[in-house]
Amino acid sequence: MDRMVADRADGIDIAFDRGKAWSKYCKELLNFVSRRMQLELDHAKKVHCLANQSKIAINEHFLPLRDVFESSFDNDIVFCEQTYDAVKHIQDRFIKSLELRRDDHERQRRALKNEWMRVTKQVKDTQQELLRARSLLGTRDDGYRRAQESFIRTESTGPAVGAEVVRRRKELERRRKNEEEAFTKREEAQSQVEKLENELERREQLMEDTKVRIVGQLRELVYRCDQTTKACSTHYFQIVNFGLMKGRLEPYTAKMYADEECEEPPMNEIDSGGLA
């Protein structure tokens, strides 16, 4: 699988994009859960305060449904305390765990990205050096050919007499040295080209090996991140569904009253003083 992805022209880019996509997804999840838990916490604090204040304010005896509302206040206080515990649990088991995984993911992903950029830069730099070396070799070839032609022309010049013989000999020696120097420079340029060709081949192979390894490491990294996401989400939904929502949806305990006991009296009885 790693080799199949690496063999694609855009394979390693896909692998890096997949890792980056998880990091962005994780960031959005953390933002949502953190803000929601803050809202739950703020709401619980306000309800807790309101329930305590209302419980203290209702201090008269023999008021209708007083015990029911006091029970309601107590239930609200208990629910708020459960909310505090639930929020703390989610912060520990979801937010902190996922933040740690995301931080580790970002660190490793950046390290792999930097390594890949360094390896590819080495290949590009070697390619540029090879182009310059080949250009220089072409120049050295031309220089050697001109020096060789110049030496041959001087050597094939007709016989000289008198002082011209000495001058001709010196000129021939000078052109011979120029030819040798041009040949040496051409050989050095040729050697540099061969050296860079071998270096480029070595670095290209290293780049291919590095690509396969990095793709595999990114795959393992994303897999671990997916597993952490699943584990953290399991804790989150368990708390939300069986903690926050269950406590919110549980009916308050109240006395059951018969319909006639709760029935509103007719207005004519009130007006005539029938309830006195």
Protein backbone atom coordinates (compact mmCIF):
# COMPACT_ATOMS: atom_id res chain seq x y z
CA MET A 1 0.00 0.00 0.00
CA ASP A 2 2.76 2.45 0.92
CA ARG A 3 4.58 1.68 -2.32
CA MET A 4 1.39 2.17 -4.36
CA VAL A 5 0.83 5.61 -2.85
CA ALA A 6 4.50 6.57 -3.16
CA ASP A 7 4.57 5.55 -6.84
CA ARG A 8 1.94 8.18 -7.65
CA ALA A 9 3.33 11.52 -8.75
CA ASP A 10 1.22 13.24 -6.09
CA GLY A 11 1.28 10.34 -3.63
CA ILE A 12 3.29 11.97 -0.86
CA ASP A 13 1.28 15.18 -1.22
CA ILE A 14 -1.90 13.15 -0.69
CA ALA A 15 -0.37 11.58 2.43
CA PHE A 16 0.61 14.96 3.87
CA ASP A 17 -2.80 16.43 2.99
CA ARG A 18 -4.54 13.55 4.77
CA GLY A 19 -2.53 14.23 7.92
CA LYS A 20 -3.21 17.95 7.68
CA ALA A 21 -6.93 17.29 7.18
CA TRP A 22 -7.08 15.28 10.42
CA SER A 23 -5.30 18.06 12.29
CA LYS A 24 -7.81 20.62 11.03
CA TYR A 25 -10.72 18.29 11.83
CA CYS A 26 -9.35 17.72 15.33
CA LYS A 27 -9.00 21.46 15.86
CA GLU A 28 -12.66 22.01 14.96
CA LEU A 29 -13.79 19.19 17.27
CA LEU A 30 -11.78 20.61 20.15
CA ASN A 31 -13.18 24.07 19.49
CA PHE A 32 -16.77 22.78 19.48
CA VAL A 33 -16.47 20.58 22.56
CA SER A 34 -14.51 23.20 24.52
CA ARG A 35 -17.05 25.92 23.79
CA ARG A 36 -19.99 23.63 24.45
CA MET A 37 -18.55 22.49 27.78
CA GLN A 38 -18.00 26.12 28.73
CA LEU A 39 -21.65 26.85 27.91
CA GLU A 40 -22.76 23.81 29.95
CA LEU A 41 -20.57 24.96 32.83
CA ASP A 42 -21.85 28.53 32.72
CA HIS A 43 -25.45 27.31 32.54
CA ALA A 44 -24.95 24.91 35.46
CA LYS A 45 -23.39 27.65 37.60
CA LYS A 46 -26.29 30.00 36.94
CA VAL A 47 -28.92 27.32 37.59
CA HIS A 48 -27.06 26.25 40.74
CA CYS A 49 -27.02 29.81 42.05
CA LEU A 50 -30.67 30.37 41.10
CA ALA A 51 -31.82 27.13 42.75
CA ASN A 52 -29.99 27.98 45.99
CA GLN A 53 -31.43 31.48 46.06
CA SER A 54 -34.95 30.26 45.35
CA LYS A 55 -34.70 27.51 47.97
CA ILE A 56 -33.70 30.06 50.61
CA ALA A 57 -36.40 32.52 49.52
CA ILE A 58 -39.23 29.99 49.95
CA ASN A 59 -39.34 29.87 53.73
CA GLU A 60 -43.06 30.09 54.50
CA HIS A 61 -44.93 26.94 55.55
CA PHE A 62 -48.15 25.56 54.11
CA LEU A 63 -47.61 26.96 50.60
CA PRO A 64 -49.05 25.03 47.61
CA LEU A 65 -46.57 22.56 46.10
CA ARG A 66 -43.73 23.95 48.20
CA ASP A 67 -42.27 20.50 48.81
CA VAL A 68 -42.48 19.74 45.08
CA PHE A 69 -40.53 22.85 44.15
CA GLU A 70 -38.02 22.30 46.93
CA SER A 71 -37.46 18.83 45.54
CA SER A 72 -37.11 20.42 42.11
CA PHE A 73 -34.48 22.83 43.45
CA ASP A 74 -32.60 19.96 45.07
CA ASN A 75 -32.70 18.03 41.80
CA ASP A 76 -31.38 21.07 39.96
CA ILE A 77 -28.52 21.41 42.43
CA VAL A 78 -27.66 17.71 42.12
CA PHE A 79 -27.81 17.94 38.34
CA CYS A 80 -25.51 20.98 38.36
CA GLU A 81 -22.99 19.13 40.52
CA GLN A 82 -23.18 16.19 38.13
CA THR A 83 -22.61 18.63 35.27
CA TYR A 84 -19.44 19.90 36.95
CA ASP A 85 -18.15 16.34 37.22
CA ALA A 86 -19.17 15.54 33.64
CA VAL A 87 -17.46 18.64 32.25
CA LYS A 88 -14.27 17.84 34.16
CA HIS A 89 -14.35 14.26 32.90
CA ILE A 90 -14.77 15.44 29.30
CA GLN A 91 -11.96 17.95 29.72
CA ASP A 92 -9.65 15.20 30.98
CA ARG A 93 -10.69 12.30 28.74
CA PHE A 94 -11.57 14.15 25.53
CA ILE A 95 -10.10 17.64 25.34
CA LYS A 96 -6.72 17.03 26.99
CA SER A 97 -6.21 13.62 25.38
CA LEU A 98 -7.08 14.90 21.92
CA GLU A 99 -4.95 18.02 22.38
CA LEU A 100 -1.95 15.86 23.32
CA ARG A 101 -2.50 13.65 20.29
CA ARG A 102 -2.87 16.67 17.99
CA ASP A 103 0.28 18.31 19.36
CA ASP A 104 2.22 15.08 18.84
CA HIS A 105 0.71 14.70 15.38
CA GLU A 106 1.69 18.26 14.41
CA ARG A 107 5.23 17.78 15.71
CA GLN A 108 5.78 14.53 13.82
CA ARG A 109 4.07 15.75 10.66
CA ARG A 110 6.21 18.90 10.58
CA ALA A 111 9.37 16.86 11.18
CA LEU A 112 8.50 14.55 8.27
CA LYS A 113 7.61 17.53 6.08
CA ASN A 114 10.94 19.20 6.85
CA GLU A 115 12.81 15.97 6.14
CA TRP A 116 11.04 15.58 2.80
CA MET A 117 11.72 19.19 1.83
CA ARG A 118 15.39 18.76 2.76
CA VAL A 119 15.75 15.60 0.66
CA THR A 120 13.98 17.09 -2.36
CA LYS A 121 16.07 20.25 -2.07
CA GLN A 122 19.24 18.18 -2.17
CA VAL A 123 18.04 16.55 -5.39
CA LYS A 124 17.13 19.90 -6.96
CA ASP A 125 20.44 21.44 -5.92
CA THR A 126 22.34 18.50 -7.41
CA GLN A 127 20.34 18.81 -10.63
CA GLN A 128 21.25 22.49 -10.86
CA GLU A 129 24.91 21.73 -10.18
CA LEU A 130 24.86 19.06 -12.87
CA LEU A 131 23.38 21.49 -15.39
CA ARG A 132 26.11 24.01 -14.62
CA ALA A 133 28.78 21.31 -14.80
CA ARG A 134 27.51 20.12 -18.20
CA SER A 135 27.46 23.68 -19.46
CA LEU A 136 31.04 24.13 -18.26
CA LEU A 137 32.01 20.85 -19.93
CA GLY A 138 30.66 22.16 -23.21
CA THR A 139 32.74 25.30 -22.78
CA ARG A 140 35.84 23.25 -21.96
CA ASP A 141 35.24 21.06 -25.01
CA ASP A 142 35.13 24.12 -27.23
CA GLY A 143 38.25 25.54 -25.58
CA TYR A 144 40.16 22.30 -26.02
CA ARG A 145 39.09 21.98 -29.64
CA ARG A 146 40.23 25.54 -30.41
CA ALA A 147 43.56 25.00 -28.61
CA GLN A 148 44.07 21.75 -30.49
CA GLU A 149 43.28 23.35 -33.84
CA SER A 150 45.61 26.26 -33.05
CA PHE A 151 48.44 23.87 -32.20
CA ILE A 152 47.89 21.87 -35.37
CA ARG A 153 47.90 25.02 -37.51
CA THR A 154 51.14 26.22 -35.94
CA GLU A 155 52.71 22.80 -36.29
CA SER A 156 51.77 22.51 -39.96
CA THR A 157 53.16 25.91 -40.89
CA GLY A 158 55.96 25.81 -43.50
CA PRO A 159 59.68 25.61 -42.55
CA ALA A 160 61.28 28.65 -40.93
CA VAL A 161 64.82 29.99 -41.32
CA GLY A 162 67.15 31.98 -39.12
CA ALA A 163 65.63 33.75 -36.13
CA GLU A 164 62.17 32.64 -37.26
CA VAL A 165 63.04 29.08 -36.21
CA VAL A 166 63.49 30.09 -32.57
CA ARG A 167 60.32 32.17 -32.56
CA ARG A 168 58.37 29.36 -34.25
CA ARG A 169 59.64 26.86 -31.69
CA LYS A 170 58.57 29.07 -28.78
CA GLU A 171 55.15 29.67 -30.34
CA LEU A 172 54.68 25.94 -30.90
CA GLU A 173 55.64 25.21 -27.30
CA ARG A 174 53.22 27.84 -26.02
CA ARG A 175 50.34 26.45 -28.07
CA ARG A 176 51.20 22.92 -26.98
CA LYS A 177 50.97 24.00 -23.33
CA ASN A 178 47.66 25.73 -24.06
CA GLU A 179 46.37 22.51 -25.58
CA GLU A 180 47.50 20.49 -22.55
CA GLU A 181 45.90 22.96 -20.14
CA ALA A 182 42.68 22.95 -22.15
CA PHE A 183 42.72 19.14 -22.16
CA THR A 184 43.27 19.05 -18.39
CA LYS A 185 40.39 21.47 -17.80
CA ARG A 186 38.13 19.42 -20.06
CA GLU A 187 39.03 16.24 -18.17
CA GLU A 188 38.32 17.95 -14.85
CA ALA A 189 34.95 19.16 -16.13
CA GLN A 190 34.15 15.67 -17.44
CA SER A 191 35.12 14.17 -14.09
CA GLN A 192 32.89 16.67 -12.27
CA VAL A 193 29.95 15.82 -14.53
CA GLU A 194 30.38 12.09 -13.88
CA LYS A 195 30.70 12.72 -10.15
CA LEU A 196 27.50 14.79 -10.09
CA GLU A 197 25.64 12.23 -12.21
CA ASN A 198 26.52 9.53 -9.67
CA GLU A 199 25.58 11.86 -6.81
CA LEU A 200 22.26 12.69 -8.44
CA GLU A 201 21.48 9.01 -8.96
CA ARG A 202 22.29 8.30 -5.31
CA ARG A 203 20.16 11.18 -4.04
CA GLU A 204 17.23 10.31 -6.30
CA GLN A 205 17.29 6.77 -4.93
CA LEU A 206 17.47 8.15 -1.40
CA MET A 207 14.52 10.40 -2.20
CA GLU A 208 12.45 7.43 -3.43
CA ASP A 209 13.32 5.38 -0.34
CA THR A 210 12.53 8.35 1.90
CA LYS A 211 9.21 8.87 0.13
CA VAL A 212 8.09 5.30 0.80
CA ARG A 213 9.20 5.50 4.43
CA ILE A 214 7.50 8.86 5.04
CA VAL A 215 4.26 7.66 3.43
CA GLY A 216 4.31 4.66 5.78
CA GLN A 217 5.01 6.84 8.82
CA LEU A 218 2.19 9.22 7.87
CA ARG A 219 -0.17 6.28 7.45
CA GLU A 220 0.70 4.97 10.92
CA LEU A 221 0.43 8.47 12.37
CA VAL A 222 -3.03 9.04 10.90
CA TYR A 223 -4.13 5.58 12.08
CA ARG A 224 -3.08 6.37 15.67
CA CYS A 225 -4.88 9.70 15.44
CA ASP A 226 -8.04 7.99 14.18
CA GLN A 227 -7.89 5.52 17.06
CA THR A 228 -7.46 8.33 19.58
CA THR A 229 -10.38 10.21 18.02
CA LYS A 230 -12.61 7.15 18.35
CA ALA A 231 -11.59 6.49 21.96
CA CYS A 232 -12.04 10.12 23.02
CA SER A 233 -15.36 10.39 21.18
CA THR A 234 -16.64 7.27 22.94
CA HIS A 235 -15.99 8.92 26.32
CA TYR A 236 -17.55 12.15 25.13
CA PHE A 237 -20.81 10.66 23.86
CA GLN A 238 -21.14 8.39 26.88
CA ILE A 239 -20.95 11.40 29.19
CA VAL A 240 -23.22 13.54 27.02
CA ASN A 241 -25.86 10.85 26.48
CA PHE A 242 -25.81 9.17 29.90
CA GLY A 243 -24.61 12.08 32.02
CA LEU A 244 -25.66 15.49 30.86
CA MET A 245 -28.71 14.55 28.80
CA LYS A 246 -29.94 11.79 31.12
CA GLY A 247 -29.85 14.07 34.13
CA ARG A 248 -31.56 16.78 32.15
CA LEU A 249 -34.35 14.52 30.96
CA GLU A 250 -35.08 12.68 34.22
CA PRO A 251 -38.53 13.75 35.52
CA TYR A 252 -38.67 15.44 38.89
CA THR A 253 -40.33 13.49 41.66
CA ALA A 254 -43.62 15.13 42.64
CA LYS A 255 -46.74 14.11 44.53
CA MET A 256 -49.63 12.91 42.48
CA TYR A 257 -52.76 14.93 42.95
CA ALA A 258 -56.25 13.87 41.96
CA ASP A 259 -57.84 15.89 39.21
CA GLU A 260 -60.49 17.23 41.55
CA GLU A 261 -57.89 18.42 44.05
CA CYS A 262 -56.09 20.42 41.38
CA GLU A 263 -59.23 21.61 39.63
CA GLU A 264 -59.61 25.38 39.58
CA PRO A 265 -62.83 26.46 41.46
CA PRO A 266 -65.59 28.20 39.48
CA MET A 267 -65.45 31.98 39.40
CA ASN A 268 -69.00 32.31 40.86
CA GLU A 269 -67.89 30.52 44.02
CA ILE A 270 -64.99 32.90 44.38
CA ASP A 271 -67.21 35.93 43.81
CA SER A 272 -69.85 34.73 46.30
CA GLY A 273 -67.31 33.87 48.94
CA GLY A 274 -67.97 30.17 48.62
CA LEU A 275 -64.41 29.39 49.52
CA ALA A 276 -64.41 31.18 52.81
